[in-house]
């Protein structure tokens, strides 16, 4: 499970016109936790700190940059859904333990990034199963989960000499 870096306010249940409860339950708080975990992942941190890599590792740097961009898109899609639902989105901050990773090489960081990605994939997989009564969230989470699995596979295939 990915460590939470933010306290998210619970919002009251949405009320349809005329005071009746909404027909389905929205899992906005859980979706917001996923926004924080994706947006403050080790992969996103790597994109901000530009770790050292040898001159001949251009393809590895490009692959990581593509993975970072994909994950940002996943985060943005979750934010869009929450915004449409008028849920106050909290973006969180990077975990304090990431600060020790500023000056490491990409080669040294990659195993840690993959480990963090595996935790994110597990969390998304769990969310798909716990949000079963929120069809809109399930559709989006299924897409994001497939994308994050793809990112993890891409990262696992990177080799740096």
N, C-alpha and C. Protein backbone atom coordinates (compact mmCIF):
# COMPACT_ATOMS: atom_id res chain seq x y z
N UNK A 1 0.84 -1.17 0.00
CA UNK A 1 0.00 0.00 0.00
C UNK A 1 0.89 1.24 0.00
N UNK A 2 0.53 2.23 -0.76
CA UNK A 2 1.30 3.45 -0.86
C UNK A 2 0.97 4.32 0.35
N UNK A 3 1.98 4.92 0.95
CA UNK A 3 1.80 5.76 2.13
C UNK A 3 1.03 7.02 1.75
N UNK A 4 0.09 7.41 2.58
CA UNK A 4 -0.70 8.61 2.35
C UNK A 4 0.09 9.84 2.80
N UNK A 5 0.07 10.87 1.99
CA UNK A 5 0.81 12.09 2.29
C UNK A 5 -0.10 13.28 2.49
N UNK A 6 -1.39 13.02 2.67
CA UNK A 6 -2.32 14.13 2.75
C UNK A 6 -3.57 13.69 3.52
N UNK A 7 -4.14 14.60 4.23
CA UNK A 7 -5.43 14.34 4.86
C UNK A 7 -6.50 14.89 3.92
N UNK A 8 -7.41 14.05 3.52
CA UNK A 8 -8.46 14.46 2.60
C UNK A 8 -9.75 14.61 3.39
N UNK A 9 -10.42 15.71 3.19
CA UNK A 9 -11.68 15.95 3.88
C UNK A 9 -12.76 15.07 3.30
N UNK A 10 -13.54 14.48 4.16
CA UNK A 10 -14.69 13.71 3.71
C UNK A 10 -15.78 14.72 3.33
N UNK A 11 -16.47 14.47 2.24
CA UNK A 11 -17.57 15.34 1.86
C UNK A 11 -18.87 14.61 2.09
N UNK A 12 -19.93 15.34 2.38
CA UNK A 12 -21.21 14.67 2.60
C UNK A 12 -21.69 14.01 1.31
N UNK A 13 -22.55 13.03 1.47
CA UNK A 13 -23.10 12.34 0.30
C UNK A 13 -23.77 13.34 -0.62
N UNK A 14 -23.65 13.11 -1.91
CA UNK A 14 -24.28 13.98 -2.88
C UNK A 14 -25.79 13.78 -2.81
N UNK A 15 -26.51 14.87 -2.94
CA UNK A 15 -27.97 14.82 -2.89
C UNK A 15 -28.51 15.24 -4.25
N UNK A 16 -29.37 14.43 -4.78
CA UNK A 16 -30.00 14.72 -6.06
C UNK A 16 -31.07 15.80 -5.84
N UNK A 17 -31.58 16.38 -6.92
CA UNK A 17 -32.66 17.36 -6.77
C UNK A 17 -33.81 16.76 -5.94
N UNK A 18 -34.48 17.59 -5.21
CA UNK A 18 -35.62 17.23 -4.37
C UNK A 18 -35.23 16.43 -3.13
N UNK A 19 -33.95 16.43 -2.77
CA UNK A 19 -33.50 15.86 -1.51
C UNK A 19 -33.31 14.35 -1.45
N UNK A 20 -33.49 13.63 -2.55
CA UNK A 20 -33.29 12.18 -2.49
C UNK A 20 -31.81 11.86 -2.67
N UNK A 21 -31.33 10.78 -2.06
CA UNK A 21 -29.90 10.43 -2.21
C UNK A 21 -29.58 10.04 -3.66
N UNK A 22 -28.33 10.24 -4.02
CA UNK A 22 -27.89 9.85 -5.36
C UNK A 22 -28.01 8.33 -5.48
N UNK A 23 -28.31 7.82 -6.66
CA UNK A 23 -28.52 6.38 -6.82
C UNK A 23 -27.27 5.54 -6.64
N UNK A 24 -26.10 6.08 -6.85
CA UNK A 24 -24.89 5.29 -6.66
C UNK A 24 -23.94 6.03 -5.72
N UNK A 25 -23.11 5.25 -5.09
CA UNK A 25 -22.16 5.82 -4.14
C UNK A 25 -20.90 6.22 -4.90
N UNK A 26 -20.40 7.40 -4.63
CA UNK A 26 -19.16 7.85 -5.24
C UNK A 26 -18.02 7.64 -4.26
N UNK A 27 -16.93 7.20 -4.77
CA UNK A 27 -15.76 6.91 -3.95
C UNK A 27 -14.71 8.01 -4.14
N UNK A 28 -15.15 9.23 -3.96
CA UNK A 28 -14.30 10.37 -4.24
C UNK A 28 -13.06 10.43 -3.35
N UNK A 29 -13.19 10.10 -2.10
CA UNK A 29 -12.03 10.16 -1.21
C UNK A 29 -10.96 9.17 -1.67
N UNK A 30 -11.37 7.97 -2.01
CA UNK A 30 -10.41 6.97 -2.49
C UNK A 30 -9.79 7.42 -3.81
N UNK A 31 -10.58 8.02 -4.68
CA UNK A 31 -10.04 8.54 -5.95
C UNK A 31 -9.03 9.64 -5.67
N UNK A 32 -9.30 10.48 -4.69
CA UNK A 32 -8.36 11.55 -4.36
C UNK A 32 -7.06 10.99 -3.79
N UNK A 33 -7.15 9.92 -3.01
CA UNK A 33 -5.92 9.27 -2.52
C UNK A 33 -5.09 8.77 -3.71
N UNK A 34 -5.75 8.27 -4.71
CA UNK A 34 -5.04 7.81 -5.92
C UNK A 34 -4.40 8.99 -6.66
N UNK A 35 -5.07 10.14 -6.67
CA UNK A 35 -4.47 11.34 -7.28
C UNK A 35 -3.17 11.67 -6.56
N UNK A 36 -3.19 11.62 -5.24
CA UNK A 36 -1.99 11.93 -4.46
C UNK A 36 -0.90 10.90 -4.74
N UNK A 37 -1.28 9.63 -4.72
CA UNK A 37 -0.28 8.57 -4.89
C UNK A 37 0.33 8.56 -6.29
N UNK A 38 -0.46 8.85 -7.30
CA UNK A 38 0.08 8.94 -8.66
C UNK A 38 0.87 10.23 -8.85
N UNK A 39 0.31 11.34 -8.41
CA UNK A 39 0.95 12.63 -8.61
C UNK A 39 2.21 12.83 -7.79
N UNK A 40 2.32 12.11 -6.68
CA UNK A 40 3.50 12.21 -5.81
C UNK A 40 4.27 10.90 -5.79
N UNK A 41 4.20 10.16 -6.87
CA UNK A 41 4.91 8.88 -6.95
C UNK A 41 6.41 9.11 -7.11
N UNK A 42 7.17 8.06 -6.90
CA UNK A 42 8.61 8.17 -7.10
C UNK A 42 8.93 8.44 -8.57
N UNK A 43 8.13 7.92 -9.47
CA UNK A 43 8.34 8.20 -10.90
C UNK A 43 8.21 9.69 -11.18
N UNK A 44 7.20 10.34 -10.63
CA UNK A 44 7.03 11.78 -10.83
C UNK A 44 8.17 12.56 -10.18
N UNK A 45 8.61 12.09 -9.03
CA UNK A 45 9.75 12.74 -8.35
C UNK A 45 11.00 12.66 -9.23
N UNK A 46 11.24 11.50 -9.83
CA UNK A 46 12.39 11.32 -10.71
C UNK A 46 12.33 12.33 -11.86
N UNK A 47 11.15 12.60 -12.35
CA UNK A 47 10.99 13.58 -13.42
C UNK A 47 11.35 14.99 -13.01
N UNK A 48 11.22 15.28 -11.74
CA UNK A 48 11.53 16.62 -11.25
C UNK A 48 12.98 16.80 -10.84
N UNK A 49 13.66 15.70 -10.45
CA UNK A 49 15.03 15.85 -9.96
C UNK A 49 16.09 15.57 -11.01
N UNK A 50 15.71 15.04 -12.15
CA UNK A 50 16.66 14.75 -13.24
C UNK A 50 17.89 13.98 -12.75
N UNK A 51 17.71 12.71 -12.43
CA UNK A 51 18.86 11.93 -11.92
C UNK A 51 19.95 11.79 -12.97
N UNK A 52 21.17 11.60 -12.49
CA UNK A 52 22.32 11.43 -13.37
C UNK A 52 22.18 10.13 -14.15
N UNK A 53 22.59 10.17 -15.40
CA UNK A 53 22.67 8.95 -16.21
C UNK A 53 23.80 9.14 -17.22
N UNK A 54 24.43 8.05 -17.65
CA UNK A 54 25.54 8.18 -18.61
C UNK A 54 25.05 8.70 -19.96
N UNK A 55 25.97 9.22 -20.72
CA UNK A 55 25.63 9.80 -22.02
C UNK A 55 24.97 8.78 -22.95
N UNK A 56 25.34 7.51 -22.82
CA UNK A 56 24.79 6.48 -23.71
C UNK A 56 23.44 5.94 -23.23
N UNK A 57 22.81 6.56 -22.24
CA UNK A 57 21.54 6.09 -21.69
C UNK A 57 20.36 6.93 -22.19
N UNK A 58 20.52 7.51 -23.36
CA UNK A 58 19.45 8.36 -23.92
C UNK A 58 18.13 7.64 -24.08
N UNK A 59 18.15 6.39 -24.53
CA UNK A 59 16.90 5.66 -24.71
C UNK A 59 16.23 5.37 -23.36
N UNK A 60 17.02 5.13 -22.34
CA UNK A 60 16.46 4.91 -20.99
C UNK A 60 15.82 6.20 -20.48
N UNK A 61 16.50 7.32 -20.66
CA UNK A 61 15.94 8.61 -20.22
C UNK A 61 14.64 8.90 -20.97
N UNK A 62 14.61 8.61 -22.27
CA UNK A 62 13.40 8.83 -23.07
C UNK A 62 12.25 7.95 -22.60
N UNK A 63 12.55 6.68 -22.29
CA UNK A 63 11.51 5.75 -21.82
C UNK A 63 10.94 6.22 -20.48
N UNK A 64 11.80 6.69 -19.60
CA UNK A 64 11.33 7.20 -18.30
C UNK A 64 10.49 8.46 -18.51
N UNK A 65 10.91 9.33 -19.39
CA UNK A 65 10.15 10.56 -19.67
C UNK A 65 8.75 10.23 -20.21
N UNK A 66 8.67 9.21 -21.09
CA UNK A 66 7.35 8.80 -21.61
C UNK A 66 6.48 8.24 -20.49
N UNK A 67 7.08 7.46 -19.60
CA UNK A 67 6.33 6.89 -18.47
C UNK A 67 5.82 8.00 -17.55
N UNK A 68 6.65 8.99 -17.32
CA UNK A 68 6.26 10.13 -16.48
C UNK A 68 5.07 10.85 -17.10
N UNK A 69 5.13 11.10 -18.40
CA UNK A 69 4.05 11.79 -19.10
C UNK A 69 2.75 10.98 -19.05
N UNK A 70 2.85 9.67 -19.23
CA UNK A 70 1.67 8.81 -19.16
C UNK A 70 1.03 8.88 -17.77
N UNK A 71 1.86 8.80 -16.75
CA UNK A 71 1.33 8.82 -15.39
C UNK A 71 0.68 10.17 -15.07
N UNK A 72 1.25 11.25 -15.58
CA UNK A 72 0.64 12.57 -15.40
C UNK A 72 -0.75 12.61 -16.03
N UNK A 73 -0.89 11.99 -17.20
CA UNK A 73 -2.20 11.93 -17.86
C UNK A 73 -3.21 11.15 -17.01
N UNK A 74 -2.76 10.07 -16.40
CA UNK A 74 -3.65 9.29 -15.54
C UNK A 74 -4.11 10.13 -14.36
N UNK A 75 -3.17 10.86 -13.77
CA UNK A 75 -3.51 11.73 -12.64
C UNK A 75 -4.51 12.79 -13.07
N UNK A 76 -4.26 13.40 -14.21
CA UNK A 76 -5.16 14.44 -14.72
C UNK A 76 -6.56 13.90 -14.99
N UNK A 77 -6.67 12.68 -15.47
CA UNK A 77 -8.00 12.12 -15.73
C UNK A 77 -8.77 11.89 -14.42
N UNK A 78 -8.08 11.47 -13.38
CA UNK A 78 -8.74 11.33 -12.08
C UNK A 78 -9.16 12.69 -11.52
N UNK A 79 -8.30 13.69 -11.69
CA UNK A 79 -8.63 15.05 -11.23
C UNK A 79 -9.85 15.57 -11.98
N UNK A 80 -9.93 15.32 -13.28
CA UNK A 80 -11.09 15.75 -14.06
C UNK A 80 -12.39 15.16 -13.51
N UNK A 81 -12.37 13.86 -13.21
CA UNK A 81 -13.57 13.22 -12.68
C UNK A 81 -13.96 13.84 -11.34
N UNK A 82 -12.99 14.02 -10.47
CA UNK A 82 -13.29 14.62 -9.17
C UNK A 82 -13.79 16.06 -9.31
N UNK A 83 -13.23 16.79 -10.24
CA UNK A 83 -13.66 18.17 -10.47
C UNK A 83 -15.09 18.20 -10.99
N UNK A 84 -15.41 17.29 -11.91
CA UNK A 84 -16.79 17.20 -12.41
C UNK A 84 -17.77 16.90 -11.28
N UNK A 85 -17.31 16.17 -10.29
CA UNK A 85 -18.15 15.82 -9.15
C UNK A 85 -18.12 16.90 -8.06
N UNK A 86 -17.42 17.97 -8.33
CA UNK A 86 -17.29 19.09 -7.40
C UNK A 86 -16.67 18.65 -6.06
N UNK A 87 -15.74 17.73 -6.16
CA UNK A 87 -15.02 17.26 -4.98
C UNK A 87 -13.76 18.10 -4.83
N UNK A 88 -13.47 18.59 -3.63
CA UNK A 88 -12.25 19.40 -3.43
C UNK A 88 -11.00 18.51 -3.53
N UNK A 89 -10.24 18.70 -4.58
CA UNK A 89 -9.08 17.85 -4.86
C UNK A 89 -7.87 18.33 -4.07
N UNK A 90 -7.24 17.39 -3.39
CA UNK A 90 -6.00 17.63 -2.66
C UNK A 90 -4.90 16.91 -3.43
N UNK A 91 -3.80 17.62 -3.70
CA UNK A 91 -2.74 17.05 -4.53
C UNK A 91 -1.59 16.44 -3.74
N UNK A 92 -1.47 16.75 -2.46
CA UNK A 92 -0.44 16.15 -1.63
C UNK A 92 0.95 16.67 -1.91
N UNK A 93 1.91 16.08 -1.24
CA UNK A 93 3.32 16.43 -1.40
C UNK A 93 4.14 15.14 -1.47
N UNK A 94 5.34 15.25 -2.01
CA UNK A 94 6.22 14.08 -2.05
C UNK A 94 6.59 13.65 -0.63
N UNK A 95 6.72 12.35 -0.40
CA UNK A 95 7.14 11.89 0.93
C UNK A 95 8.52 12.43 1.30
N UNK A 96 8.74 12.70 2.56
CA UNK A 96 10.01 13.26 3.03
C UNK A 96 11.18 12.34 2.70
N UNK A 97 10.95 11.02 2.69
CA UNK A 97 12.06 10.11 2.41
C UNK A 97 12.59 10.23 0.98
N UNK A 98 11.85 10.86 0.11
CA UNK A 98 12.34 11.07 -1.26
C UNK A 98 13.48 12.09 -1.30
N UNK A 99 13.57 12.95 -0.31
CA UNK A 99 14.59 14.00 -0.34
C UNK A 99 16.01 13.44 -0.35
N UNK A 100 16.19 12.25 0.18
CA UNK A 100 17.51 11.62 0.17
C UNK A 100 17.88 11.07 -1.21
N UNK A 101 16.98 11.11 -2.15
CA UNK A 101 17.20 10.50 -3.46
C UNK A 101 17.59 11.50 -4.55
N UNK A 102 17.79 12.74 -4.18
CA UNK A 102 18.09 13.79 -5.17
C UNK A 102 19.30 13.50 -6.04
N UNK A 103 20.34 12.97 -5.47
CA UNK A 103 21.60 12.89 -6.20
C UNK A 103 21.98 11.47 -6.61
N UNK A 104 21.01 10.59 -6.70
CA UNK A 104 21.27 9.23 -7.14
C UNK A 104 21.19 9.14 -8.65
N UNK A 105 21.81 8.11 -9.18
CA UNK A 105 21.74 7.89 -10.63
C UNK A 105 20.41 7.24 -10.99
N UNK A 106 20.05 7.35 -12.24
CA UNK A 106 18.83 6.72 -12.74
C UNK A 106 18.92 5.20 -12.53
N UNK A 107 20.10 4.64 -12.73
CA UNK A 107 20.29 3.21 -12.54
C UNK A 107 20.00 2.79 -11.11
N UNK A 108 20.42 3.59 -10.15
CA UNK A 108 20.18 3.29 -8.74
C UNK A 108 18.71 3.51 -8.36
N UNK A 109 18.06 4.46 -8.99
CA UNK A 109 16.66 4.77 -8.66
C UNK A 109 15.66 3.82 -9.30
N UNK A 110 16.00 3.27 -10.44
CA UNK A 110 15.04 2.47 -11.21
C UNK A 110 14.41 1.33 -10.41
N UNK A 111 15.17 0.53 -9.66
CA UNK A 111 14.53 -0.53 -8.87
C UNK A 111 13.52 0.01 -7.84
N UNK A 112 13.82 1.16 -7.26
CA UNK A 112 12.91 1.77 -6.29
C UNK A 112 11.66 2.29 -6.98
N UNK A 113 11.83 2.85 -8.17
CA UNK A 113 10.69 3.34 -8.94
C UNK A 113 9.77 2.17 -9.30
N UNK A 114 10.36 1.07 -9.72
CA UNK A 114 9.56 -0.12 -10.07
C UNK A 114 8.82 -0.65 -8.84
N UNK A 115 9.48 -0.67 -7.71
CA UNK A 115 8.83 -1.10 -6.46
C UNK A 115 7.63 -0.20 -6.13
N UNK A 116 7.82 1.11 -6.27
CA UNK A 116 6.75 2.06 -6.03
C UNK A 116 5.61 1.86 -7.03
N UNK A 117 5.96 1.60 -8.29
CA UNK A 117 4.95 1.34 -9.32
C UNK A 117 4.14 0.09 -8.99
N UNK A 118 4.80 -0.95 -8.51
CA UNK A 118 4.09 -2.17 -8.13
C UNK A 118 3.07 -1.89 -7.03
N UNK A 119 3.42 -1.04 -6.09
CA UNK A 119 2.50 -0.66 -5.01
C UNK A 119 1.31 0.12 -5.57
N UNK A 120 1.57 1.01 -6.52
CA UNK A 120 0.51 1.79 -7.14
C UNK A 120 -0.44 0.87 -7.91
N UNK A 121 0.11 -0.08 -8.66
CA UNK A 121 -0.71 -1.03 -9.41
C UNK A 121 -1.58 -1.83 -8.45
N UNK A 122 -1.02 -2.28 -7.35
CA UNK A 122 -1.80 -3.04 -6.35
C UNK A 122 -2.91 -2.19 -5.77
N UNK A 123 -2.62 -0.93 -5.51
CA UNK A 123 -3.64 -0.03 -4.96
C UNK A 123 -4.75 0.23 -5.97
N UNK A 124 -4.39 0.42 -7.23
CA UNK A 124 -5.40 0.61 -8.27
C UNK A 124 -6.25 -0.65 -8.45
N UNK A 125 -5.62 -1.80 -8.40
CA UNK A 125 -6.34 -3.06 -8.53
C UNK A 125 -7.36 -3.20 -7.39
N UNK A 126 -6.94 -2.86 -6.20
CA UNK A 126 -7.86 -2.89 -5.05
C UNK A 126 -9.01 -1.90 -5.24
N UNK A 127 -8.70 -0.71 -5.73
CA UNK A 127 -9.73 0.31 -5.94
C UNK A 127 -10.77 -0.14 -6.97
N UNK A 128 -10.33 -0.84 -8.01
CA UNK A 128 -11.26 -1.35 -9.01
C UNK A 128 -12.27 -2.29 -8.35
N UNK A 129 -11.80 -3.05 -7.37
CA UNK A 129 -12.69 -4.01 -6.71
C UNK A 129 -13.53 -3.39 -5.60
N UNK A 130 -13.10 -2.29 -5.03
CA UNK A 130 -13.88 -1.67 -3.94
C UNK A 130 -14.84 -0.60 -4.42
N UNK A 131 -14.67 -0.14 -5.65
CA UNK A 131 -15.55 0.91 -6.19
C UNK A 131 -16.62 0.33 -7.12
N UNK A 132 -17.00 -0.91 -6.90
CA UNK A 132 -17.89 -1.62 -7.83
C UNK A 132 -19.24 -0.94 -8.03
N UNK A 133 -19.67 -0.14 -7.07
CA UNK A 133 -20.97 0.52 -7.20
C UNK A 133 -20.85 1.92 -7.82
N UNK A 134 -19.71 2.25 -8.37
CA UNK A 134 -19.47 3.55 -9.01
C UNK A 134 -18.97 3.28 -10.43
N UNK A 135 -19.91 3.09 -11.35
CA UNK A 135 -19.58 2.68 -12.72
C UNK A 135 -18.63 3.65 -13.41
N UNK A 136 -18.82 4.93 -13.21
CA UNK A 136 -17.96 5.93 -13.84
C UNK A 136 -16.52 5.81 -13.34
N UNK A 137 -16.38 5.63 -12.04
CA UNK A 137 -15.04 5.47 -11.46
C UNK A 137 -14.41 4.17 -11.92
N UNK A 138 -15.17 3.10 -11.98
CA UNK A 138 -14.64 1.80 -12.41
C UNK A 138 -14.11 1.88 -13.84
N UNK A 139 -14.87 2.53 -14.72
CA UNK A 139 -14.42 2.65 -16.11
C UNK A 139 -13.08 3.38 -16.18
N UNK A 140 -12.96 4.48 -15.45
CA UNK A 140 -11.71 5.24 -15.45
C UNK A 140 -10.59 4.46 -14.76
N UNK A 141 -10.87 3.87 -13.62
CA UNK A 141 -9.84 3.12 -12.89
C UNK A 141 -9.32 1.94 -13.69
N UNK A 142 -10.18 1.29 -14.44
CA UNK A 142 -9.76 0.16 -15.27
C UNK A 142 -8.76 0.63 -16.33
N UNK A 143 -9.04 1.78 -16.92
CA UNK A 143 -8.12 2.35 -17.92
C UNK A 143 -6.80 2.77 -17.28
N UNK A 144 -6.88 3.44 -16.14
CA UNK A 144 -5.67 3.88 -15.44
C UNK A 144 -4.86 2.67 -14.98
N UNK A 145 -5.51 1.64 -14.47
CA UNK A 145 -4.81 0.44 -14.03
C UNK A 145 -4.06 -0.20 -15.20
N UNK A 146 -4.70 -0.33 -16.34
CA UNK A 146 -4.03 -0.91 -17.51
C UNK A 146 -2.82 -0.06 -17.91
N UNK A 147 -2.98 1.26 -17.86
CA UNK A 147 -1.88 2.16 -18.21
C UNK A 147 -0.72 2.06 -17.22
N UNK A 148 -1.03 1.96 -15.93
CA UNK A 148 0.02 1.86 -14.91
C UNK A 148 0.74 0.51 -14.99
N UNK A 149 0.00 -0.53 -15.34
CA UNK A 149 0.65 -1.83 -15.55
C UNK A 149 1.61 -1.74 -16.73
N UNK A 150 1.18 -1.06 -17.78
CA UNK A 150 2.03 -0.87 -18.96
C UNK A 150 3.29 -0.08 -18.60
N UNK A 151 3.13 0.97 -17.81
CA UNK A 151 4.28 1.77 -17.37
C UNK A 151 5.26 0.89 -16.59
N UNK A 152 4.74 0.07 -15.69
CA UNK A 152 5.59 -0.81 -14.89
C UNK A 152 6.37 -1.77 -15.79
N UNK A 153 5.71 -2.34 -16.78
CA UNK A 153 6.36 -3.25 -17.71
C UNK A 153 7.45 -2.52 -18.50
N UNK A 154 7.14 -1.30 -18.94
CA UNK A 154 8.14 -0.50 -19.68
C UNK A 154 9.35 -0.21 -18.80
N UNK A 155 9.11 0.15 -17.56
CA UNK A 155 10.22 0.46 -16.65
C UNK A 155 11.06 -0.79 -16.37
N UNK A 156 10.43 -1.94 -16.26
CA UNK A 156 11.15 -3.18 -15.99
C UNK A 156 12.04 -3.57 -17.18
N UNK A 157 11.70 -3.11 -18.38
CA UNK A 157 12.48 -3.46 -19.56
C UNK A 157 13.67 -2.54 -19.79
N UNK A 158 13.80 -1.49 -19.03
CA UNK A 158 14.90 -0.53 -19.19
C UNK A 158 16.19 -1.13 -18.64
N UNK A 159 17.23 -1.03 -19.44
CA UNK A 159 18.56 -1.43 -18.97
C UNK A 159 19.51 -0.25 -19.14
N UNK A 160 20.33 -0.06 -18.12
CA UNK A 160 21.32 1.03 -18.14
C UNK A 160 22.66 0.39 -17.82
N UNK A 161 23.62 0.60 -18.70
CA UNK A 161 24.95 0.01 -18.51
C UNK A 161 25.72 0.71 -17.41
